[in-house]
Amino acid sequence: MMKKKALCLLLCLCCAIGLSGCTGRKDSGTDEAPATLPPAAVSYKAPDGEFMPGRGENFNLYLPGKDGLMPVPVTLESMPLNETLRALVEELLRYEGSGSIRGLGDTADGRIALTLYGENPVEFSSGVCTVNLGPSARQLKHQEFYTAALSLAATLCELDEIRWVNVLVADMSVGLDITGNQAMGSVSSHLDENLTVLWEQMEAKRAPLGQDVSRYALTSYMTLYFPLTDGRGIACENRNLTFGGQTPEQMTRGILDAMSDGSNFLFGVPQMPDILNDLLLYDPLTSEGENGGRQVTLIFRENTEQLLEGTGVDMACLLAAITYSLTTYIPGVPEVCVRIGDKPITQLNSERFGRTAVLGGLLRRSTLEPYLAGLTKVYFARDGLLTSCEKAVDRKLTDSPTEVLKALMEGPEKTDSDYGVRATLPPGLGEEDILGISSEGDTLIVNLNENFRAEIQSMGRDAEMLLCYSLVNTLCESTGMSRVCFFFEGEQVEYIAGEIYWAGEFLYNTGLCEQSFG
């Protein structure tokens, strides 16, 4: 036994030298040693249930100072990512000016109490955070509102998961000019930049007062939403788009054209119909909504759903993606009216999300919120190597290792399978086979049941290596941990199928990874 352990240690050290990130492709004909640390007895206790430490740590709130955004340190208690984001926003809105630093509601005329709006006012998915402020934010002047958006973006984008921020007021995007037509779009972090200069750059995009806004092009970043395959919901990415003019109709057509081009970055998105605008009977229409704001009306051809059959595009998810895209970007639009021929849509039907009532054919973000998915990276197999794919999960649980393991158990989507991607885990596993997950330092501790061990054994020696490191890499990727320690029914097991030594701790293995997907 001592010789086996000494050999394992030597192999581990040799392997660990070359494993620092998932960028290297395994050389043909080279044996890859398992990256297991010395198989000494571990001191961890097998967990029962999920106990993750959360994100209790120090953060900076960025608030407007004399020339730029100034940091204000704040400490939050441990909590999951989606709760951390909301807590940071609430801290920003509560902050009252001190010295040279202003609060977001501090104006020359007094303080405006800014609040959050709706049941899910801070929404996160695919690197994008959307903050929904209450109606009082409309009292801010345009420059004050833009500065508040910059503060939110700088604060939230300090988290690795956030790249872009959208700011709405009562479910509507805000126009940054008197006519309410100039879209702000998505905002990123602008630390160390002069706030006045940033506002002047935004002002330069607006159409001159009294001029026809349809004649003035607008270029800005925006969040586009796309339907996922097999009706699994919608996901988003950011794009820099140029619109020929600044009317709601021009923006709507531009957004539909951009969606027709398909996603640039997301996996699991079906090929969109060639031109979504061609599915419309008439050009988009804009009218005044019954409850304030504008209403965009889209009238689709009667055979639209039939035309989508065979494309992998689910009608309910497509309409949810269109609604989210339009209401996130076009100023003053909280709802989209959808008709098929001369009949308004009365409900959306989805195998995954059930039936969603659509009163008066009006689609709203709040109604479609369940469709917005989170994405997590999981590792499957292709041509004897590990390849990373994105899977849709509950967006409020993207940092839950249990949720990530469930996605790995589901196997690859059809679109990934078409590229030769194969499952690494046997089909007989489910959430009930995960007894517990916890962490200690940079180590994730996973307790699996006897059925999981038996299923690994049934896969055989040849499949064991990829199976093991699909678990390890997936868990390390999603949690930020460096290593994983496995228990089975509360005990460590040395060998299962005979290929690798399961006791001890496993490092993230890059030698088994493809350079990239595709």
Protein backbone atom coordinates (compact mmCIF):
# COMPACT_ATOMS: atom_id res chain seq x y z
CA MET A 1 0.00 0.00 0.00
CA MET A 2 2.84 2.39 0.83
CA LYS A 3 4.32 1.90 -2.64
CA LYS A 4 0.95 2.67 -4.21
CA LYS A 5 0.61 5.85 -2.18
CA ALA A 6 4.14 6.97 -3.00
CA LEU A 7 3.50 6.38 -6.70
CA CYS A 8 0.22 8.34 -6.49
CA LEU A 9 2.04 11.26 -4.86
CA LEU A 10 4.72 11.29 -7.56
CA LEU A 11 2.11 11.22 -10.35
CA CYS A 12 0.14 13.97 -8.67
CA LEU A 13 3.12 16.29 -8.41
CA CYS A 14 4.09 15.73 -12.03
CA CYS A 15 0.53 16.36 -13.21
CA ALA A 16 -0.08 19.41 -11.02
CA ILE A 17 2.94 21.23 -12.50
CA GLY A 18 1.24 21.45 -15.88
CA LEU A 19 -2.34 22.08 -14.74
CA SER A 20 -3.15 25.74 -14.21
CA GLY A 21 -6.17 26.47 -16.46
CA CYS A 22 -8.44 24.77 -18.97
CA THR A 23 -6.51 25.86 -22.03
CA GLY A 24 -4.25 22.96 -22.92
CA ARG A 25 -5.25 20.09 -25.19
CA LYS A 26 -4.16 16.62 -24.21
CA ASP A 27 -1.32 15.40 -26.45
CA SER A 28 -2.18 12.38 -28.57
CA GLY A 29 -0.83 9.16 -27.13
CA THR A 30 0.15 10.72 -23.79
CA ASP A 31 -1.03 9.08 -20.57
CA GLU A 32 -2.63 11.63 -18.23
CA ALA A 33 -2.11 10.93 -14.52
CA PRO A 34 -4.96 11.80 -12.16
CA ALA A 35 -4.35 15.10 -10.34
CA THR A 36 -4.95 13.73 -6.84
CA LEU A 37 -3.15 15.15 -3.83
CA PRO A 38 -1.33 12.76 -1.47
CA PRO A 39 -3.87 10.14 -0.32
CA ALA A 40 -3.47 10.84 3.37
CA ALA A 41 -6.57 10.65 5.54
CA VAL A 42 -8.61 13.85 5.26
CA SER A 43 -9.89 15.71 8.30
CA TYR A 44 -13.15 16.88 6.70
CA LYS A 45 -16.55 15.74 7.91
CA ALA A 46 -18.98 14.38 5.33
CA PRO A 47 -21.78 16.96 4.93
CA ASP A 48 -25.51 16.28 5.24
CA GLY A 49 -27.35 18.83 3.10
CA GLU A 50 -25.88 21.88 1.36
CA PHE A 51 -23.94 24.31 3.54
CA MET A 52 -22.03 26.86 1.51
CA PRO A 53 -20.40 29.90 3.13
CA GLY A 54 -22.04 32.47 0.83
CA ARG A 55 -20.44 35.83 0.03
CA GLY A 56 -19.97 37.62 3.31
CA GLU A 57 -17.08 39.96 2.63
CA ASN A 58 -16.07 43.56 2.11
CA PHE A 59 -17.39 45.51 -0.87
CA ASN A 60 -17.20 49.05 -2.17
CA LEU A 61 -20.21 51.19 -2.89
CA TYR A 62 -19.36 53.69 -5.63
CA LEU A 63 -21.12 57.02 -5.19
CA PRO A 64 -20.80 60.35 -7.02
CA GLY A 65 -18.08 62.70 -5.81
CA LYS A 66 -16.87 66.00 -7.19
CA ASP A 67 -15.37 64.63 -10.42
CA GLY A 68 -15.92 60.89 -10.40
CA LEU A 69 -17.22 57.92 -8.45
CA MET A 70 -15.83 57.50 -4.94
CA PRO A 71 -15.62 54.21 -3.01
CA VAL A 72 -17.43 53.74 0.30
CA PRO A 73 -16.52 50.45 2.05
CA VAL A 74 -19.33 48.22 3.29
CA THR A 75 -19.39 44.74 4.82
CA LEU A 76 -22.25 42.32 4.14
CA GLU A 77 -23.13 39.11 5.90
CA SER A 78 -22.72 35.80 4.12
CA MET A 79 -25.42 35.16 1.52
CA PRO A 80 -25.90 33.72 -2.01
CA LEU A 81 -25.07 35.80 -5.10
CA ASN A 82 -28.59 36.99 -5.94
CA GLU A 83 -29.13 38.14 -2.33
CA THR A 84 -25.73 39.85 -2.31
CA LEU A 85 -26.64 41.85 -5.42
CA ARG A 86 -29.90 43.05 -3.90
CA ALA A 87 -28.21 43.91 -0.60
CA LEU A 88 -25.59 46.03 -2.41
CA VAL A 89 -28.29 47.92 -4.32
CA GLU A 90 -30.25 48.55 -1.13
CA GLU A 91 -27.09 49.86 0.58
CA LEU A 92 -26.53 52.25 -2.35
CA LEU A 93 -30.08 53.56 -2.23
CA ARG A 94 -29.94 54.09 1.55
CA TYR A 95 -26.66 56.00 1.57
CA GLU A 96 -27.02 59.67 2.46
CA GLY A 97 -24.40 62.15 1.36
CA SER A 98 -21.36 62.67 3.53
CA GLY A 99 -18.80 65.39 2.88
CA SER A 100 -17.84 65.41 -0.80
CA ILE A 101 -19.76 62.20 -1.56
CA ARG A 102 -23.44 62.42 -2.58
CA GLY A 103 -26.15 59.82 -2.14
CA LEU A 104 -27.99 58.67 -5.26
CA GLY A 105 -31.14 60.48 -4.12
CA ASP A 106 -29.36 63.68 -3.11
CA THR A 107 -30.30 66.57 -5.42
CA ALA A 108 -30.02 70.35 -5.34
CA ASP A 109 -33.70 70.49 -4.30
CA GLY A 110 -33.41 67.96 -1.48
CA ARG A 111 -33.26 64.20 -1.03
CA ILE A 112 -35.42 61.82 -3.06
CA ALA A 113 -36.10 58.49 -1.36
CA LEU A 114 -35.20 55.87 -3.97
CA THR A 115 -36.74 52.41 -3.64
CA LEU A 116 -36.89 49.09 -5.47
CA TYR A 117 -39.89 47.99 -7.52
CA GLY A 118 -41.68 44.66 -7.90
CA GLU A 119 -41.18 41.16 -6.50
CA ASN A 120 -37.80 40.62 -8.19
CA PRO A 121 -36.28 44.11 -8.44
CA VAL A 122 -32.66 42.98 -8.85
CA GLU A 123 -32.45 40.40 -11.63
CA PHE A 124 -29.30 38.54 -12.63
CA SER A 125 -28.63 36.27 -15.60
CA SER A 126 -25.69 35.59 -17.93
CA GLY A 127 -23.46 38.37 -16.62
CA VAL A 128 -26.21 41.00 -16.76
CA CYS A 129 -27.88 42.57 -13.72
CA THR A 130 -31.11 44.54 -14.19
CA VAL A 131 -32.18 46.87 -11.38
CA ASN A 132 -35.83 47.94 -11.24
CA LEU A 133 -36.27 51.18 -9.28
CA GLY A 134 -39.53 52.53 -7.89
CA PRO A 135 -41.50 55.44 -9.45
CA SER A 136 -39.77 58.04 -7.25
CA ALA A 137 -36.67 57.73 -9.48
CA ARG A 138 -38.60 59.63 -12.15
CA GLN A 139 -38.09 62.77 -10.04
CA LEU A 140 -34.37 62.66 -10.81
CA LYS A 141 -33.15 64.88 -13.63
CA HIS A 142 -31.69 63.05 -16.62
CA GLN A 143 -28.09 63.67 -15.61
CA GLU A 144 -28.83 62.61 -12.02
CA PHE A 145 -30.46 59.41 -13.22
CA TYR A 146 -27.55 58.59 -15.51
CA THR A 147 -25.11 59.20 -12.65
CA ALA A 148 -27.16 56.85 -10.45
CA ALA A 149 -26.93 54.20 -13.18
CA LEU A 150 -23.14 54.66 -13.34
CA SER A 151 -22.95 54.21 -9.55
CA LEU A 152 -24.99 51.01 -9.71
CA ALA A 153 -22.87 49.64 -12.54
CA ALA A 154 -19.54 50.44 -10.88
CA THR A 155 -20.66 48.82 -7.63
CA LEU A 156 -22.17 45.66 -9.12
CA CYS A 157 -19.52 45.12 -11.80
CA GLU A 158 -16.88 44.70 -9.10
CA LEU A 159 -18.33 41.20 -8.70
CA ASP A 160 -16.75 38.82 -11.20
CA GLU A 161 -20.15 37.57 -12.35
CA ILE A 162 -21.44 41.00 -13.47
CA ARG A 163 -20.36 42.71 -16.70
CA TRP A 164 -23.36 44.90 -17.56
CA VAL A 165 -26.17 46.67 -15.68
CA ASN A 166 -29.60 47.83 -16.89
CA VAL A 167 -31.63 50.30 -14.83
CA LEU A 168 -35.42 50.46 -15.17
CA VAL A 169 -38.06 52.51 -13.37
CA ALA A 170 -41.33 50.69 -12.64
CA ASP A 171 -40.62 48.09 -15.35
CA MET A 172 -39.68 50.72 -17.96
CA SER A 173 -36.44 51.94 -19.50
CA VAL A 174 -35.92 55.69 -19.07
CA GLY A 175 -35.38 58.11 -21.96
CA LEU A 176 -32.56 60.57 -21.30
CA ASP A 177 -34.04 63.52 -23.19
CA ILE A 178 -37.16 65.70 -22.98
CA THR A 179 -39.02 63.66 -25.61
CA GLY A 180 -38.25 60.40 -23.80
CA ASN A 181 -36.78 58.77 -26.92
CA GLN A 182 -33.04 58.58 -26.20
CA ALA A 183 -32.29 55.11 -24.85
CA MET A 184 -29.55 54.80 -22.23
CA GLY A 185 -28.94 51.10 -22.90
CA SER A 186 -26.72 48.91 -20.75
CA VAL A 187 -24.08 50.48 -18.51
CA SER A 188 -20.69 49.07 -17.55
CA SER A 189 -18.19 50.20 -14.94
CA HIS A 190 -16.59 53.63 -15.54
CA LEU A 191 -14.26 54.06 -12.60
CA ASP A 192 -11.65 56.83 -12.78
CA GLU A 193 -13.66 58.72 -15.42
CA ASN A 194 -15.09 62.21 -15.08
CA LEU A 195 -18.86 62.15 -14.55
CA THR A 196 -19.44 65.41 -16.42
CA VAL A 197 -17.52 64.15 -19.46
CA LEU A 198 -19.48 60.88 -19.43
CA TRP A 199 -22.76 62.80 -19.37
CA GLU A 200 -21.65 65.08 -22.23
CA GLN A 201 -20.85 61.97 -24.29
CA MET A 202 -24.36 60.66 -23.60
CA GLU A 203 -25.94 64.03 -24.45
CA ALA A 204 -24.12 64.05 -27.79
CA LYS A 205 -26.17 61.04 -28.90
CA ARG A 206 -29.57 62.73 -28.57
CA ALA A 207 -31.53 64.23 -31.44
CA PRO A 208 -31.71 68.06 -31.34
CA LEU A 209 -34.88 69.33 -29.70
CA GLY A 210 -37.65 69.87 -32.23
CA GLN A 211 -35.99 67.70 -34.89
CA ASP A 212 -37.35 64.44 -36.31
CA VAL A 213 -35.82 61.74 -34.09
CA SER A 214 -36.26 59.16 -36.86
CA ARG A 215 -33.41 60.87 -38.77
CA TYR A 216 -30.82 60.59 -35.99
CA ALA A 217 -29.01 57.30 -35.61
CA LEU A 218 -28.18 55.92 -32.17
CA THR A 219 -25.43 53.48 -31.22
CA SER A 220 -25.41 51.90 -27.78
CA TYR A 221 -24.94 48.68 -25.88
CA MET A 222 -28.08 46.74 -25.09
CA THR A 223 -29.15 43.39 -23.69
CA LEU A 224 -30.59 40.96 -26.23
CA TYR A 225 -32.57 37.96 -25.01
CA PHE A 226 -32.78 34.67 -26.90
CA PRO A 227 -34.97 31.57 -26.55
CA LEU A 228 -33.13 28.44 -25.42
CA THR A 229 -33.58 25.09 -27.13
CA ASP A 230 -36.31 22.69 -26.06
CA GLY A 231 -38.34 25.47 -24.42
CA ARG A 232 -35.88 25.79 -21.51
CA GLY A 233 -36.45 29.52 -21.11
CA ILE A 234 -34.50 32.56 -22.27
CA ALA A 235 -30.93 33.81 -21.75
CA CYS A 236 -29.18 37.05 -22.65
CA GLU A 237 -26.04 38.61 -24.00
CA ASN A 238 -24.98 42.20 -24.64
CA ARG A 239 -24.47 43.67 -28.09
CA ASN A 240 -23.40 47.04 -29.45
CA LEU A 241 -26.16 47.99 -31.90
CA THR A 242 -26.72 50.92 -34.23
CA PHE A 243 -30.30 52.02 -34.96
CA GLY A 244 -31.16 54.13 -38.00
CA GLY A 245 -33.33 56.38 -35.86
CA GLN A 246 -34.64 56.79 -32.33
CA THR A 247 -38.34 56.04 -32.66
CA PRO A 248 -39.75 52.97 -30.84
CA GLU A 249 -40.65 51.43 -34.21
CA GLN A 250 -37.09 51.77 -35.54
CA MET A 251 -35.66 50.32 -32.33
CA THR A 252 -38.13 47.41 -32.44
CA ARG A 253 -37.20 46.51 -36.01
CA GLY A 254 -33.49 46.80 -35.20
CA ILE A 255 -33.83 44.55 -32.16
CA LEU A 256 -35.77 41.91 -34.12
CA ASP A 257 -33.12 41.95 -36.85
CA ALA A 258 -30.36 41.54 -34.25
CA MET A 259 -32.22 38.61 -32.68
CA SER A 260 -32.59 37.06 -36.14
CA ASP A 261 -28.80 37.08 -36.49
CA GLY A 262 -28.64 34.71 -33.53
CA SER A 263 -26.44 34.72 -30.46
CA ASN A 264 -22.74 35.52 -30.66
CA PHE A 265 -21.78 33.99 -27.33
CA LEU A 266 -24.50 31.74 -25.91
CA PHE A 267 -24.60 27.99 -26.34
CA GLY A 268 -27.92 26.15 -26.38
CA VAL A 269 -29.66 28.77 -28.55
CA PRO A 270 -31.38 27.40 -31.68
CA GLN A 271 -30.85 28.97 -35.07
CA MET A 272 -33.36 31.77 -35.31
CA PRO A 273 -35.76 32.26 -38.22
CA ASP A 274 -33.98 34.14 -41.01
CA ILE A 275 -35.76 37.43 -40.44
CA LEU A 276 -38.15 37.81 -37.51
CA ASN A 277 -39.53 40.99 -39.07
CA ASP A 278 -40.77 38.84 -41.97
CA LEU A 279 -43.02 36.96 -39.54
CA LEU A 280 -44.94 40.21 -38.97
CA LEU A 281 -48.03 41.09 -40.98
CA TYR A 282 -47.43 44.80 -40.44
CA ASP A 283 -44.65 47.07 -39.21
CA PRO A 284 -44.47 47.42 -35.41
CA LEU A 285 -46.96 49.91 -34.02
CA THR A 286 -46.55 52.20 -31.00
CA SER A 287 -49.43 53.64 -28.98
CA GLU A 288 -50.09 55.05 -25.53
CA GLY A 289 -50.61 52.31 -22.95
CA GLU A 290 -53.69 52.23 -20.71
CA ASN A 291 -51.57 52.43 -17.53
CA GLY A 292 -49.10 55.02 -18.76
CA GLY A 293 -46.06 54.51 -20.91
CA ARG A 294 -45.94 53.26 -24.47
CA GLN A 295 -47.20 50.03 -25.90
CA VAL A 296 -45.51 48.26 -28.80
CA THR A 297 -47.85 46.09 -30.86
CA LEU A 298 -46.58 43.16 -32.93
CA ILE A 299 -48.99 41.40 -35.29
CA PHE A 300 -47.59 38.04 -36.45
CA ARG A 301 -48.72 35.96 -39.40
CA GLU A 302 -51.34 33.32 -38.61
CA ASN A 303 -48.96 30.47 -39.50
CA THR A 304 -46.07 31.78 -37.35
CA GLU A 305 -46.09 28.84 -34.94
CA GLN A 306 -46.09 26.38 -37.84
CA LEU A 307 -43.18 28.22 -39.46
CA LEU A 308 -41.21 27.83 -36.23
CA GLU A 309 -41.75 24.07 -36.08
CA GLY A 310 -38.56 22.23 -36.86
CA THR A 311 -36.35 25.22 -36.01
CA GLY A 312 -36.06 24.33 -32.32
CA VAL A 313 -37.56 27.73 -31.42
CA ASP A 314 -40.35 27.49 -28.86
CA MET A 315 -43.09 30.06 -29.48
CA ALA A 316 -43.60 30.92 -25.80
CA CYS A 317 -39.86 31.38 -25.21
CA LEU A 318 -39.51 33.46 -28.38
CA LEU A 319 -42.25 35.86 -27.26
CA ALA A 320 -40.70 36.07 -23.79
CA ALA A 321 -37.30 36.88 -25.34
CA ILE A 322 -38.81 39.57 -27.58
CA THR A 323 -40.71 41.13 -24.67
CA TYR A 324 -37.63 41.21 -22.44
CA SER A 325 -35.46 42.68 -25.22
CA LEU A 326 -37.91 45.46 -26.09
CA THR A 327 -38.89 46.45 -22.55
CA THR A 328 -35.29 46.44 -21.29
CA TYR A 329 -34.11 48.89 -23.96
CA ILE A 330 -36.87 50.99 -25.54
CA PRO A 331 -37.73 53.95 -23.28
CA GLY A 332 -41.19 54.03 -21.74
CA VAL A 333 -42.32 50.55 -22.89
CA PRO A 334 -43.51 48.30 -20.02
CA GLU A 335 -45.54 45.91 -22.19
CA VAL A 336 -45.77 44.39 -25.63
CA CYS A 337 -49.11 43.62 -27.29
CA VAL A 338 -48.93 40.47 -29.42
CA ARG A 339 -51.50 39.30 -31.94
CA ILE A 340 -51.54 36.30 -34.23
CA GLY A 341 -53.46 37.48 -37.26
CA ASP A 342 -56.44 39.41 -35.91
CA LYS A 343 -56.54 37.53 -32.57
CA PRO A 344 -54.70 38.65 -29.42
CA ILE A 345 -52.70 36.00 -27.58
CA THR A 346 -54.59 34.97 -24.45
CA GLN A 347 -52.03 32.57 -22.97
CA LEU A 348 -48.56 31.12 -23.46
CA ASN A 349 -48.26 27.34 -23.38
CA SER A 350 -44.98 25.79 -22.26
CA GLU A 351 -44.14 22.24 -21.19
CA ARG A 352 -41.56 23.61 -18.74
CA PHE A 353 -43.37 26.68 -17.40
CA GLY A 354 -47.00 25.66 -17.82
CA ARG A 355 -49.71 28.06 -18.94
CA THR A 356 -49.22 31.78 -18.54
CA ALA A 357 -52.31 33.97 -18.83
CA VAL A 358 -51.88 36.96 -21.16
CA LEU A 359 -54.61 39.48 -20.38
CA GLY A 360 -55.57 41.54 -23.43
CA GLY A 361 -52.64 40.11 -25.37
CA LEU A 362 -50.24 42.23 -23.25
CA LEU A 363 -46.91 40.62 -22.35
CA ARG A 364 -45.07 42.11 -19.35
CA ARG A 365 -41.66 41.39 -17.81
CA SER A 366 -43.17 40.57 -14.43
CA THR A 367 -45.41 37.89 -15.96
CA LEU A 368 -42.54 36.31 -17.92
CA GLU A 369 -39.94 36.42 -15.14
CA PRO A 370 -39.98 32.59 -14.66
CA TYR A 371 -38.71 32.20 -18.25
CA LEU A 372 -35.41 33.97 -17.50
CA ALA A 373 -32.80 31.27 -16.87
CA GLY A 374 -29.35 31.33 -15.38
CA LEU A 375 -26.47 29.64 -17.19
CA THR A 376 -23.77 27.50 -15.65
CA LYS A 377 -20.72 25.84 -17.21
CA VAL A 378 -20.55 22.04 -17.02
CA TYR A 379 -18.06 19.57 -18.46
CA PHE A 380 -19.07 16.72 -20.73
CA ALA A 381 -17.00 14.41 -22.97
CA ARG A 382 -16.02 14.68 -26.64
CA ASP A 383 -13.43 12.58 -28.44
CA GLY A 384 -11.85 11.40 -25.19
CA LEU A 385 -11.50 14.89 -23.66
CA LEU A 386 -13.59 17.17 -21.49
CA THR A 387 -15.41 20.02 -23.17
CA SER A 388 -17.34 22.83 -21.44
CA CYS A 389 -20.96 23.55 -22.30
CA GLU A 390 -23.52 25.95 -20.87
CA LYS A 391 -26.66 24.61 -19.22
CA ALA A 392 -29.78 26.48 -18.13
CA VAL A 393 -30.46 26.46 -14.38
CA ASP A 394 -32.61 28.41 -11.96
CA ARG A 395 -31.00 31.86 -12.20
CA LYS A 396 -31.29 32.32 -8.42
CA LEU A 397 -29.25 29.16 -7.84
CA THR A 398 -26.38 29.55 -10.30
CA ASP A 399 -23.87 29.42 -7.45
CA SER A 400 -25.46 26.33 -5.84
CA PRO A 401 -23.23 23.24 -6.36
CA THR A 402 -26.26 20.99 -5.99
CA GLU A 403 -28.03 22.81 -8.84
CA VAL A 404 -24.89 22.57 -10.98
CA LEU A 405 -24.55 18.83 -10.35
CA LYS A 406 -28.20 18.37 -11.34
CA ALA A 407 -27.42 20.10 -14.65
CA LEU A 408 -24.45 17.75 -15.19
CA MET A 409 -26.68 14.75 -14.46
CA GLU A 410 -29.16 15.88 -17.13
CA GLY A 411 -26.51 15.43 -19.82
CA PRO A 412 -25.87 17.61 -22.88
CA GLU A 413 -28.58 19.37 -24.85
CA LYS A 414 -29.44 18.21 -28.35
CA THR A 415 -27.59 21.12 -29.92
CA ASP A 416 -24.44 20.08 -28.05
CA SER A 417 -24.96 16.39 -28.89
CA ASP A 418 -25.06 17.34 -32.56
CA TYR A 419 -21.41 18.46 -32.13
CA GLY A 420 -20.37 15.11 -30.66
CA VAL A 421 -20.73 16.03 -27.00
CA ARG A 422 -21.59 13.07 -24.77
CA ALA A 423 -22.68 12.66 -21.15
CA THR A 424 -20.06 11.62 -18.61
CA LEU A 425 -22.48 10.46 -15.91
CA PRO A 426 -24.84 7.45 -16.21
CA PRO A 427 -28.54 8.26 -16.72
CA GLY A 428 -29.64 6.62 -13.45
CA LEU A 429 -28.55 9.49 -11.19
CA GLY A 430 -30.60 12.30 -9.69
CA GLU A 431 -30.69 14.92 -6.95
CA GLU A 432 -31.56 12.26 -4.38
CA ASP A 433 -28.08 10.76 -4.90
CA ILE A 434 -26.44 13.94 -3.51
CA LEU A 435 -26.39 13.58 0.27
CA GLY A 436 -24.59 16.82 1.04
CA ILE A 437 -22.15 19.51 -0.12
CA SER A 438 -20.13 21.93 1.98
CA SER A 439 -16.81 23.76 1.78
CA GLU A 440 -13.75 24.33 3.92
CA GLY A 441 -11.13 26.80 2.73
CA ASP A 442 -10.70 26.26 -1.01
CA THR A 443 -11.96 22.66 -0.87
CA LEU A 444 -15.48 21.56 -1.80
CA ILE A 445 -16.65 18.50 0.16
CA VAL A 446 -19.19 16.30 -1.63
CA ASN A 447 -21.08 13.41 0.01
CA LEU A 448 -22.73 11.03 -2.48
CA ASN A 449 -24.78 7.91 -1.83
CA GLU A 450 -24.13 4.23 -2.50
CA ASN A 451 -26.16 4.32 -5.72
CA PHE A 452 -23.80 6.98 -7.10
CA ARG A 453 -20.79 4.79 -6.26
CA ALA A 454 -22.43 1.75 -7.86
CA GLU A 455 -23.23 3.73 -11.02
CA ILE A 456 -19.58 4.83 -11.29
CA GLN A 457 -18.52 1.22 -10.94
CA SER A 458 -20.97 0.15 -13.66
CA MET A 459 -19.39 2.63 -16.11
CA GLY A 460 -16.08 0.74 -15.96
CA ARG A 461 -12.42 1.75 -15.91
CA ASP A 462 -12.36 3.37 -19.35
CA ALA A 463 -15.04 5.93 -18.47
CA GLU A 464 -14.00 6.57 -14.86
CA MET A 465 -11.36 9.24 -15.49
CA LEU A 466 -13.60 11.56 -17.55
CA LEU A 467 -16.52 10.90 -15.19
CA CYS A 468 -14.46 11.92 -12.16
CA TYR A 469 -13.01 15.08 -13.66
CA SER A 470 -16.27 16.18 -15.22
CA LEU A 471 -17.51 16.30 -11.61
CA VAL A 472 -14.37 18.02 -10.31
CA ASN A 473 -14.04 20.62 -13.09
CA THR A 474 -17.75 21.43 -13.12
CA LEU A 475 -17.84 21.98 -9.36
CA CYS A 476 -14.63 24.02 -9.27
CA GLU A 477 -15.77 26.17 -12.20
CA SER A 478 -19.13 27.03 -10.64
CA THR A 479 -17.98 27.59 -7.05
CA GLY A 480 -14.50 29.06 -7.49
CA MET A 481 -13.03 26.28 -5.35
CA SER A 482 -9.63 24.78 -6.19
CA ARG A 483 -10.21 21.16 -5.21
CA VAL A 484 -12.90 18.60 -4.43
CA CYS A 485 -13.04 15.87 -1.78
CA PHE A 486 -15.53 13.00 -2.27
CA PHE A 487 -17.35 10.91 0.34
CA PHE A 488 -19.75 8.05 -0.33
CA GLU A 489 -22.32 7.43 2.42
CA GLY A 490 -20.11 9.46 4.75
CA GLU A 491 -16.91 7.51 4.08
CA GLN A 492 -14.00 7.98 1.71
CA VAL A 493 -13.52 5.19 -0.83
CA GLU A 494 -10.11 4.32 -2.28
CA TYR A 495 -11.10 2.58 -5.55
CA ILE A 496 -14.39 2.22 -7.41
CA ALA A 497 -13.86 1.08 -11.00
CA GLY A 498 -10.12 0.66 -10.47
CA GLU A 499 -8.73 3.44 -12.71
CA ILE A 500 -8.18 6.19 -10.13
CA TYR A 501 -7.74 6.62 -6.38
CA TRP A 502 -10.85 8.40 -5.01
CA ALA A 503 -9.64 9.12 -1.47
CA GLY A 504 -7.93 12.42 -0.74
CA GLU A 505 -8.57 15.59 -2.77
CA PHE A 506 -8.85 16.26 -6.50
CA LEU A 507 -7.50 19.35 -8.26
CA TYR A 508 -9.17 21.06 -11.21
CA ASN A 509 -7.72 19.08 -14.17
CA THR A 510 -6.82 21.02 -17.31
CA GLY A 511 -4.88 18.27 -19.05
CA LEU A 512 -8.15 16.54 -19.91
CA CYS A 513 -9.77 19.69 -21.37
CA GLU A 514 -10.19 20.80 -24.95
CA GLN A 515 -8.84 24.22 -25.79
CA SER A 516 -12.30 25.48 -26.58
CA PHE A 517 -15.76 24.41 -27.60
CA GLY A 518 -16.51 24.21 -31.31
